[in-house]
Amino acid sequence: MTTTAIRERLYEYIRDADDKKVEALYVILEGEIVQGYDWSEDKEFVAELDEEYKRYEDGVDKGITLEELEVSLELNRKQRGGK
């Protein structure tokens, strides 16, 4: 069985399970469930964003508009034979 199929079966099971079963599953998996990631508290990530923004502001890295991105994606899709 593929991982995708397993996930789907688990989703269905949890969706239809009674409260006691859902609570029991949660107790089993609680330690594995990662709490929300707050990127603003990740000093390394924030420093990287700051550096990228500085490079953009200084003209070292060129940005593109959303429209330019959409045109580029559409051209790429057409070249690859996609819709």
PDB file of N, CA and C in Angstrom:
ATOM      1  N   MET A   1       0.846  -1.170   0.000  1.00  0.00           N
ATOM      2  CA  MET A   1       0.000   0.000   0.000  1.00  0.00           C
ATOM      3  C   MET A   1       0.897   1.241   0.000  1.00  0.00           C
ATOM      4  N   THR A   2       0.554   2.220  -0.804  1.00  0.00           N
ATOM      5  CA  THR A   2       1.364   3.436  -0.888  1.00  0.00           C
ATOM      6  C   THR A   2       1.128   4.323   0.328  1.00  0.00           C
ATOM      7  N   THR A   3       2.066   5.225   0.570  1.00  0.00           N
ATOM      8  CA  THR A   3       1.922   6.170   1.673  1.00  0.00           C
ATOM      9  C   THR A   3       0.683   7.026   1.484  1.00  0.00           C
ATOM     10  N   THR A   4       0.409   7.404   0.253  1.00  0.00           N
ATOM     11  CA  THR A   4      -0.774   8.217  -0.033  1.00  0.00           C
ATOM     12  C   THR A   4      -2.043   7.463   0.347  1.00  0.00           C
ATOM     13  N   ALA A   5      -2.100   6.189   0.006  1.00  0.00           N
ATOM     14  CA  ALA A   5      -3.271   5.369   0.342  1.00  0.00           C
ATOM     15  C   ALA A   5      -3.407   5.214   1.854  1.00  0.00           C
ATOM     16  N   ILE A   6      -2.285   5.034   2.530  1.00  0.00           N
ATOM     17  CA  ILE A   6      -2.307   4.906   3.995  1.00  0.00           C
ATOM     18  C   ILE A   6      -2.827   6.195   4.619  1.00  0.00           C
ATOM     19  N   ARG A   7      -2.327   7.334   4.141  1.00  0.00           N
ATOM     20  CA  ARG A   7      -2.791   8.621   4.672  1.00  0.00           C
ATOM     21  C   ARG A   7      -4.304   8.765   4.496  1.00  0.00           C
ATOM     22  N   GLU A   8      -4.779   8.423   3.315  1.00  0.00           N
ATOM     23  CA  GLU A   8      -6.208   8.546   3.037  1.00  0.00           C
ATOM     24  C   GLU A   8      -7.021   7.665   3.978  1.00  0.00           C
ATOM     25  N   ARG A   9      -6.550   6.455   4.205  1.00  0.00           N
ATOM     26  CA  ARG A   9      -7.273   5.547   5.115  1.00  0.00           C
ATOM     27  C   ARG A   9      -7.253   6.075   6.537  1.00  0.00           C
ATOM     28  N   LEU A  10      -6.113   6.656   6.947  1.00  0.00           N
ATOM     29  CA  LEU A  10      -6.036   7.244   8.284  1.00  0.00           C
ATOM     30  C   LEU A  10      -6.956   8.451   8.413  1.00  0.00           C
ATOM     31  N   TYR A  11      -6.995   9.310   7.380  1.00  0.00           N
ATOM     32  CA  TYR A  11      -7.898  10.456   7.404  1.00  0.00           C
ATOM     33  C   TYR A  11      -9.343   9.990   7.581  1.00  0.00           C
ATOM     34  N   GLU A  12      -9.715   8.992   6.795  1.00  0.00           N
ATOM     35  CA  GLU A  12     -11.075   8.469   6.873  1.00  0.00           C
ATOM     36  C   GLU A  12     -11.365   7.888   8.254  1.00  0.00           C
ATOM     37  N   TYR A  13     -10.414   7.138   8.793  1.00  0.00           N
ATOM     38  CA  TYR A  13     -10.600   6.522  10.107  1.00  0.00           C
ATOM     39  C   TYR A  13     -10.797   7.593  11.172  1.00  0.00           C
ATOM     40  N   ILE A  14      -9.916   8.597  11.178  1.00  0.00           N
ATOM     41  CA  ILE A  14      -9.995   9.647  12.189  1.00  0.00           C
ATOM     42  C   ILE A  14     -11.282  10.459  12.020  1.00  0.00           C
ATOM     43  N   ARG A  15     -11.653  10.728  10.788  1.00  0.00           N
ATOM     44  CA  ARG A  15     -12.859  11.505  10.514  1.00  0.00           C
ATOM     45  C   ARG A  15     -14.099  10.806  11.079  1.00  0.00           C
ATOM     46  N   ASP A  16     -14.131   9.466  11.025  1.00  0.00           N
ATOM     47  CA  ASP A  16     -15.311   8.714  11.431  1.00  0.00           C
ATOM     48  C   ASP A  16     -15.211   8.119  12.832  1.00  0.00           C
ATOM     49  N   ALA A  17     -14.029   8.184  13.453  1.00  0.00           N
ATOM     50  CA  ALA A  17     -13.828   7.540  14.757  1.00  0.00           C
ATOM     51  C   ALA A  17     -14.575   8.281  15.865  1.00  0.00           C
ATOM     52  N   ASP A  18     -14.947   7.506  16.897  1.00  0.00           N
ATOM     53  CA  ASP A  18     -15.591   8.160  18.037  1.00  0.00           C
ATOM     54  C   ASP A  18     -14.547   8.923  18.859  1.00  0.00           C
ATOM     55  N   ASP A  19     -15.002   9.758  19.769  1.00  0.00           N
ATOM     56  CA  ASP A  19     -14.118  10.634  20.536  1.00  0.00           C
ATOM     57  C   ASP A  19     -13.034   9.882  21.299  1.00  0.00           C
ATOM     58  N   LYS A  20     -13.382   8.739  21.900  1.00  0.00           N
ATOM     59  CA  LYS A  20     -12.397   7.980  22.679  1.00  0.00           C
ATOM     60  C   LYS A  20     -11.247   7.493  21.798  1.00  0.00           C
ATOM     61  N   LYS A  21     -11.553   7.031  20.606  1.00  0.00           N
ATOM     62  CA  LYS A  21     -10.513   6.542  19.700  1.00  0.00           C
ATOM     63  C   LYS A  21      -9.616   7.689  19.231  1.00  0.00           C
ATOM     64  N   VAL A  22     -10.221   8.831  18.927  1.00  0.00           N
ATOM     65  CA  VAL A  22      -9.438   9.986  18.499  1.00  0.00           C
ATOM     66  C   VAL A  22      -8.504  10.422  19.622  1.00  0.00           C
ATOM     67  N   GLU A  23      -9.014  10.487  20.855  1.00  0.00           N
ATOM     68  CA  GLU A  23      -8.186  10.876  21.995  1.00  0.00           C
ATOM     69  C   GLU A  23      -7.051   9.875  22.217  1.00  0.00           C
ATOM     70  N   ALA A  24      -7.334   8.583  22.074  1.00  0.00           N
ATOM     71  CA  ALA A  24      -6.301   7.561  22.256  1.00  0.00           C
ATOM     72  C   ALA A  24      -5.209   7.699  21.193  1.00  0.00           C
ATOM     73  N   LEU A  25      -5.597   7.923  19.957  1.00  0.00           N
ATOM     74  CA  LEU A  25      -4.611   8.131  18.888  1.00  0.00           C
ATOM     75  C   LEU A  25      -3.761   9.358  19.168  1.00  0.00           C
ATOM     76  N   TYR A  26      -4.391  10.410  19.663  1.00  0.00           N
ATOM     77  CA  TYR A  26      -3.653  11.629  19.957  1.00  0.00           C
ATOM     78  C   TYR A  26      -2.613  11.385  21.057  1.00  0.00           C
ATOM     79  N   VAL A  27      -2.992  10.659  22.085  1.00  0.00           N
ATOM     80  CA  VAL A  27      -2.056  10.358  23.177  1.00  0.00           C
ATOM     81  C   VAL A  27      -0.855   9.588  22.628  1.00  0.00           C
ATOM     82  N   ILE A  28      -1.100   8.649  21.731  1.00  0.00           N
ATOM     83  CA  ILE A  28      -0.019   7.847  21.148  1.00  0.00           C
ATOM     84  C   ILE A  28       0.903   8.722  20.314  1.00  0.00           C
ATOM     85  N   LEU A  29       0.347   9.643  19.548  1.00  0.00           N
ATOM     86  CA  LEU A  29       1.127  10.433  18.591  1.00  0.00           C
ATOM     87  C   LEU A  29       1.546  11.809  19.096  1.00  0.00           C
ATOM     88  N   GLU A  30       1.101  12.184  20.271  1.00  0.00           N
ATOM     89  CA  GLU A  30       1.320  13.539  20.780  1.00  0.00           C
ATOM     90  C   GLU A  30       2.781  13.978  20.736  1.00  0.00           C
ATOM     91  N   GLY A  31       3.690  13.102  21.090  1.00  0.00           N
ATOM     92  CA  GLY A  31       5.105  13.440  21.099  1.00  0.00           C
ATOM     93  C   GLY A  31       5.685  13.641  19.713  1.00  0.00           C
ATOM     94  N   GLU A  32       5.039  13.094  18.692  1.00  0.00           N
ATOM     95  CA  GLU A  32       5.514  13.202  17.313  1.00  0.00           C
ATOM     96  C   GLU A  32       4.969  14.429  16.590  1.00  0.00           C
ATOM     97  N   ILE A  33       3.917  15.003  17.146  1.00  0.00           N
ATOM     98  CA  ILE A  33       3.276  16.136  16.487  1.00  0.00           C
ATOM     99  C   ILE A  33       4.093  17.391  16.770  1.00  0.00           C
ATOM    100  N   VAL A  34       4.568  18.001  15.710  1.00  0.00           N
ATOM    101  CA  VAL A  34       5.395  19.191  15.828  1.00  0.00           C
ATOM    102  C   VAL A  34       4.491  20.403  16.028  1.00  0.00           C
ATOM    103  N   GLN A  35       4.812  21.170  17.034  1.00  0.00           N
ATOM    104  CA  GLN A  35       4.062  22.397  17.266  1.00  0.00           C
ATOM    105  C   GLN A  35       4.350  23.377  16.134  1.00  0.00           C
ATOM    106  N   GLY A  36       3.517  24.343  15.947  1.00  0.00           N
ATOM    107  CA  GLY A  36       3.653  25.310  14.875  1.00  0.00           C
ATOM    108  C   GLY A  36       5.035  25.954  14.830  1.00  0.00           C
ATOM    109  N   TYR A  37       5.518  26.140  13.648  1.00  0.00           N
ATOM    110  CA  TYR A  37       6.827  26.743  13.429  1.00  0.00           C
ATOM    111  C   TYR A  37       6.645  28.245  13.300  1.00  0.00           C
ATOM    112  N   ASP A  38       7.296  29.015  14.153  1.00  0.00           N
ATOM    113  CA  ASP A  38       7.236  30.470  14.094  1.00  0.00           C
ATOM    114  C   ASP A  38       8.539  30.968  13.490  1.00  0.00           C
ATOM    115  N   TRP A  39       8.488  31.235  12.182  1.00  0.00           N
ATOM    116  CA  TRP A  39       9.700  31.632  11.460  1.00  0.00           C
ATOM    117  C   TRP A  39      10.314  32.899  12.027  1.00  0.00           C
ATOM    118  N   SER A  40       9.502  33.770  12.618  1.00  0.00           N
ATOM    119  CA  SER A  40      10.031  35.035  13.122  1.00  0.00           C
ATOM    120  C   SER A  40      10.945  34.848  14.331  1.00  0.00           C
ATOM    121  N   GLU A  41      10.882  33.679  14.961  1.00  0.00           N
ATOM    122  CA  GLU A  41      11.762  33.395  16.091  1.00  0.00           C
ATOM    123  C   GLU A  41      13.022  32.637  15.669  1.00  0.00           C
ATOM    124  N   ASP A  42      13.117  32.288  14.400  1.00  0.00           N
ATOM    125  CA  ASP A  42      14.281  31.582  13.873  1.00  0.00           C
ATOM    126  C   ASP A  42      15.307  32.628  13.426  1.00  0.00           C
ATOM    127  N   LYS A  43      16.279  32.909  14.296  1.00  0.00           N
ATOM    128  CA  LYS A  43      17.235  33.989  14.044  1.00  0.00           C
ATOM    129  C   LYS A  43      18.022  33.785  12.762  1.00  0.00           C
ATOM    130  N   GLU A  44      18.403  32.560  12.474  1.00  0.00           N
ATOM    131  CA  GLU A  44      19.160  32.275  11.257  1.00  0.00           C
ATOM    132  C   GLU A  44      18.321  32.559  10.012  1.00  0.00           C
ATOM    133  N   PHE A  45      17.068  32.134  10.041  1.00  0.00           N
ATOM    134  CA  PHE A  45      16.171  32.355   8.909  1.00  0.00           C
ATOM    135  C   PHE A  45      15.900  33.841   8.707  1.00  0.00           C
ATOM    136  N   VAL A  46      15.638  34.560   9.803  1.00  0.00           N
ATOM    137  CA  VAL A  46      15.376  35.997   9.717  1.00  0.00           C
ATOM    138  C   VAL A  46      16.602  36.723   9.176  1.00  0.00           C
ATOM    139  N   ALA A  47      17.801  36.322   9.624  1.00  0.00           N
ATOM    140  CA  ALA A  47      19.035  36.937   9.117  1.00  0.00           C
ATOM    141  C   ALA A  47      19.171  36.695   7.618  1.00  0.00           C
ATOM    142  N   GLU A  48      18.814  35.509   7.163  1.00  0.00           N
ATOM    143  CA  GLU A  48      18.875  35.184   5.737  1.00  0.00           C
ATOM    144  C   GLU A  48      17.897  36.053   4.943  1.00  0.00           C
ATOM    145  N   LEU A  49      16.680  36.212   5.463  1.00  0.00           N
ATOM    146  CA  LEU A  49      15.707  37.082   4.796  1.00  0.00           C
ATOM    147  C   LEU A  49      16.208  38.523   4.747  1.00  0.00           C
ATOM    148  N   ASP A  50      16.763  38.989   5.861  1.00  0.00           N
ATOM    149  CA  ASP A  50      17.305  40.353   5.898  1.00  0.00           C
ATOM    150  C   ASP A  50      18.405  40.543   4.866  1.00  0.00           C
ATOM    151  N   GLU A  51      19.277  39.551   4.736  1.00  0.00           N
ATOM    152  CA  GLU A  51      20.375  39.630   3.767  1.00  0.00           C
ATOM    153  C   GLU A  51      19.831  39.638   2.337  1.00  0.00           C
ATOM    154  N   GLU A  52      18.862  38.800   2.061  1.00  0.00           N
ATOM    155  CA  GLU A  52      18.266  38.770   0.722  1.00  0.00           C
ATOM    156  C   GLU A  52      17.585  40.105   0.408  1.00  0.00           C
ATOM    157  N   TYR A  53      16.892  40.663   1.386  1.00  0.00           N
ATOM    158  CA  TYR A  53      16.229  41.946   1.171  1.00  0.00           C
ATOM    159  C   TYR A  53      17.259  43.051   0.925  1.00  0.00           C
ATOM    160  N   LYS A  54      18.343  43.042   1.696  1.00  0.00           N
ATOM    161  CA  LYS A  54      19.408  44.029   1.520  1.00  0.00           C
ATOM    162  C   LYS A  54      20.007  43.922   0.116  1.00  0.00           C
ATOM    163  N   ARG A  55      20.246  42.683  -0.348  1.00  0.00           N
ATOM    164  CA  ARG A  55      20.792  42.478  -1.693  1.00  0.00           C
ATOM    165  C   ARG A  55      19.825  43.019  -2.751  1.00  0.00           C
ATOM    166  N   TYR A  56      18.537  42.840  -2.537  1.00  0.00           N
ATOM    167  CA  TYR A  56      17.534  43.366  -3.461  1.00  0.00           C
ATOM    168  C   TYR A  56      17.550  44.897  -3.431  1.00  0.00           C
ATOM    169  N   GLU A  57      17.532  45.472  -2.245  1.00  0.00           N
ATOM    170  CA  GLU A  57      17.539  46.935  -2.094  1.00  0.00           C
ATOM    171  C   GLU A  57      18.798  47.565  -2.693  1.00  0.00           C
ATOM    172  N   ASP A  58      19.939  46.880  -2.556  1.00  0.00           N
ATOM    173  CA  ASP A  58      21.208  47.391  -3.075  1.00  0.00           C
ATOM    174  C   ASP A  58      21.364  47.157  -4.577  1.00  0.00           C
ATOM    175  N   GLY A  59      20.415  46.459  -5.188  1.00  0.00           N
ATOM    176  CA  GLY A  59      20.474  46.206  -6.620  1.00  0.00           C
ATOM    177  C   GLY A  59      21.366  45.041  -7.003  1.00  0.00           C
ATOM    178  N   VAL A  60      21.842  44.281  -6.022  1.00  0.00           N
ATOM    179  CA  VAL A  60      22.685  43.118  -6.304  1.00  0.00           C
ATOM    180  C   VAL A  60      21.839  42.005  -6.922  1.00  0.00           C
ATOM    181  N   ASP A  61      20.666  41.760  -6.344  1.00  0.00           N
ATOM    182  CA  ASP A  61      19.743  40.755  -6.862  1.00  0.00           C
ATOM    183  C   ASP A  61      18.546  41.466  -7.473  1.00  0.00           C
ATOM    184  N   LYS A  62      18.129  40.997  -8.640  1.00  0.00           N
ATOM    185  CA  LYS A  62      16.993  41.597  -9.323  1.00  0.00           C
ATOM    186  C   LYS A  62      15.721  40.847  -8.938  1.00  0.00           C
ATOM    187  N   GLY A  63      14.690  41.572  -8.656  1.00  0.00           N
ATOM    188  CA  GLY A  63      13.388  40.971  -8.396  1.00  0.00           C
ATOM    189  C   GLY A  63      12.542  41.008  -9.653  1.00  0.00           C
ATOM    190  N   ILE A  64      11.428  40.299  -9.633  1.00  0.00           N
ATOM    191  CA  ILE A  64      10.490  40.342 -10.750  1.00  0.00           C
ATOM    192  C   ILE A  64       9.097  40.582 -10.197  1.00  0.00           C
ATOM    193  N   THR A  65       8.235  41.118 -11.039  1.00  0.00           N
ATOM    194  CA  THR A  65       6.858  41.356 -10.617  1.00  0.00           C
ATOM    195  C   THR A  65       6.075  40.049 -10.687  1.00  0.00           C
ATOM    196  N   LEU A  66       4.920  40.051 -10.053  1.00  0.00           N
ATOM    197  CA  LEU A  66       4.044  38.886 -10.113  1.00  0.00           C
ATOM    198  C   LEU A  66       3.634  38.611 -11.555  1.00  0.00           C
ATOM    199  N   GLU A  67       3.382  39.663 -12.300  1.00  0.00           N
ATOM    200  CA  GLU A  67       2.991  39.503 -13.702  1.00  0.00           C
ATOM    201  C   GLU A  67       4.106  38.844 -14.513  1.00  0.00           C
ATOM    202  N   GLU A  68       5.354  39.267 -14.273  1.00  0.00           N
ATOM    203  CA  GLU A  68       6.488  38.657 -14.975  1.00  0.00           C
ATOM    204  C   GLU A  68       6.610  37.174 -14.625  1.00  0.00           C
ATOM    205  N   LEU A  69       6.371  36.846 -13.373  1.00  0.00           N
ATOM    206  CA  LEU A  69       6.421  35.449 -12.946  1.00  0.00           C
ATOM    207  C   LEU A  69       5.335  34.638 -13.644  1.00  0.00           C
ATOM    208  N   GLU A  70       4.122  35.188 -13.700  1.00  0.00           N
ATOM    209  CA  GLU A  70       3.012  34.475 -14.341  1.00  0.00           C
ATOM    210  C   GLU A  70       3.288  34.234 -15.818  1.00  0.00           C
ATOM    211  N   VAL A  71       3.833  35.232 -16.505  1.00  0.00           N
ATOM    212  CA  VAL A  71       4.166  35.082 -17.930  1.00  0.00           C
ATOM    213  C   VAL A  71       5.232  34.003 -18.097  1.00  0.00           C
ATOM    214  N   SER A  72       6.247  34.040 -17.248  1.00  0.00           N
ATOM    215  CA  SER A  72       7.314  33.054 -17.319  1.00  0.00           C
ATOM    216  C   SER A  72       6.785  31.635 -17.082  1.00  0.00           C
ATOM    217  N   LEU A  73       5.912  31.490 -16.096  1.00  0.00           N
ATOM    218  CA  LEU A  73       5.325  30.172 -15.823  1.00  0.00           C
ATOM    219  C   LEU A  73       4.477  29.685 -16.996  1.00  0.00           C
ATOM    220  N   GLU A  74       3.703  30.588 -17.582  1.00  0.00           N
ATOM    221  CA  GLU A  74       2.861  30.211 -18.712  1.00  0.00           C
ATOM    222  C   GLU A  74       3.706  29.775 -19.911  1.00  0.00           C
ATOM    223  N   LEU A  75       4.776  30.517 -20.192  1.00  0.00           N
ATOM    224  CA  LEU A  75       5.679  30.130 -21.279  1.00  0.00           C
ATOM    225  C   LEU A  75       6.299  28.758 -21.009  1.00  0.00           C
ATOM    226  N   ASN A  76       6.686  28.539 -19.775  1.00  0.00           N
ATOM    227  CA  ASN A  76       7.280  27.254 -19.401  1.00  0.00           C
ATOM    228  C   ASN A  76       6.284  26.117 -19.592  1.00  0.00           C
ATOM    229  N   ARG A  77       5.027  26.340 -19.191  1.00  0.00           N
ATOM    230  CA  ARG A  77       3.991  25.312 -19.367  1.00  0.00           C
ATOM    231  C   ARG A  77       3.801  24.976 -20.843  1.00  0.00           C
ATOM    232  N   LYS A  78       3.757  26.022 -21.676  1.00  0.00           N
ATOM    233  CA  LYS A  78       3.539  25.810 -23.109  1.00  0.00           C
ATOM    234  C   LYS A  78       4.716  25.052 -23.728  1.00  0.00           C
ATOM    235  N   GLN A  79       5.926  25.374 -23.301  1.00  0.00           N
ATOM    236  CA  GLN A  79       7.123  24.681 -23.828  1.00  0.00           C
ATOM    237  C   GLN A  79       7.107  23.211 -23.430  1.00  0.00           C
ATOM    238  N   ARG A  80       6.557  22.922 -22.272  1.00  0.00           N
ATOM    239  CA  ARG A  80       6.532  21.551 -21.787  1.00  0.00           C
ATOM    240  C   ARG A  80       5.291  20.801 -22.257  1.00  0.00           C
ATOM    241  N   GLY A  81       4.423  21.496 -22.992  1.00  0.00           N
ATOM    242  CA  GLY A  81       3.230  20.833 -23.522  1.00  0.00           C
ATOM    243  C   GLY A  81       2.104  20.758 -22.524  1.00  0.00           C
ATOM    244  N   GLY A  82       2.195  21.509 -21.435  1.00  0.00           N
ATOM    245  CA  GLY A  82       1.146  21.493 -20.414  1.00  0.00           C
ATOM    246  C   GLY A  82       0.025  22.445 -20.721  1.00  0.00           C
ATOM    247  N   LYS A  83      -0.951  22.448 -19.835  1.00  0.00           N
ATOM    248  CA  LYS A  83      -2.126  23.310 -20.005  1.00  0.00           C
ATOM    249  C   LYS A  83      -1.920  24.615 -19.289  1.00  0.00           C
TER     250      LYS A  83
END
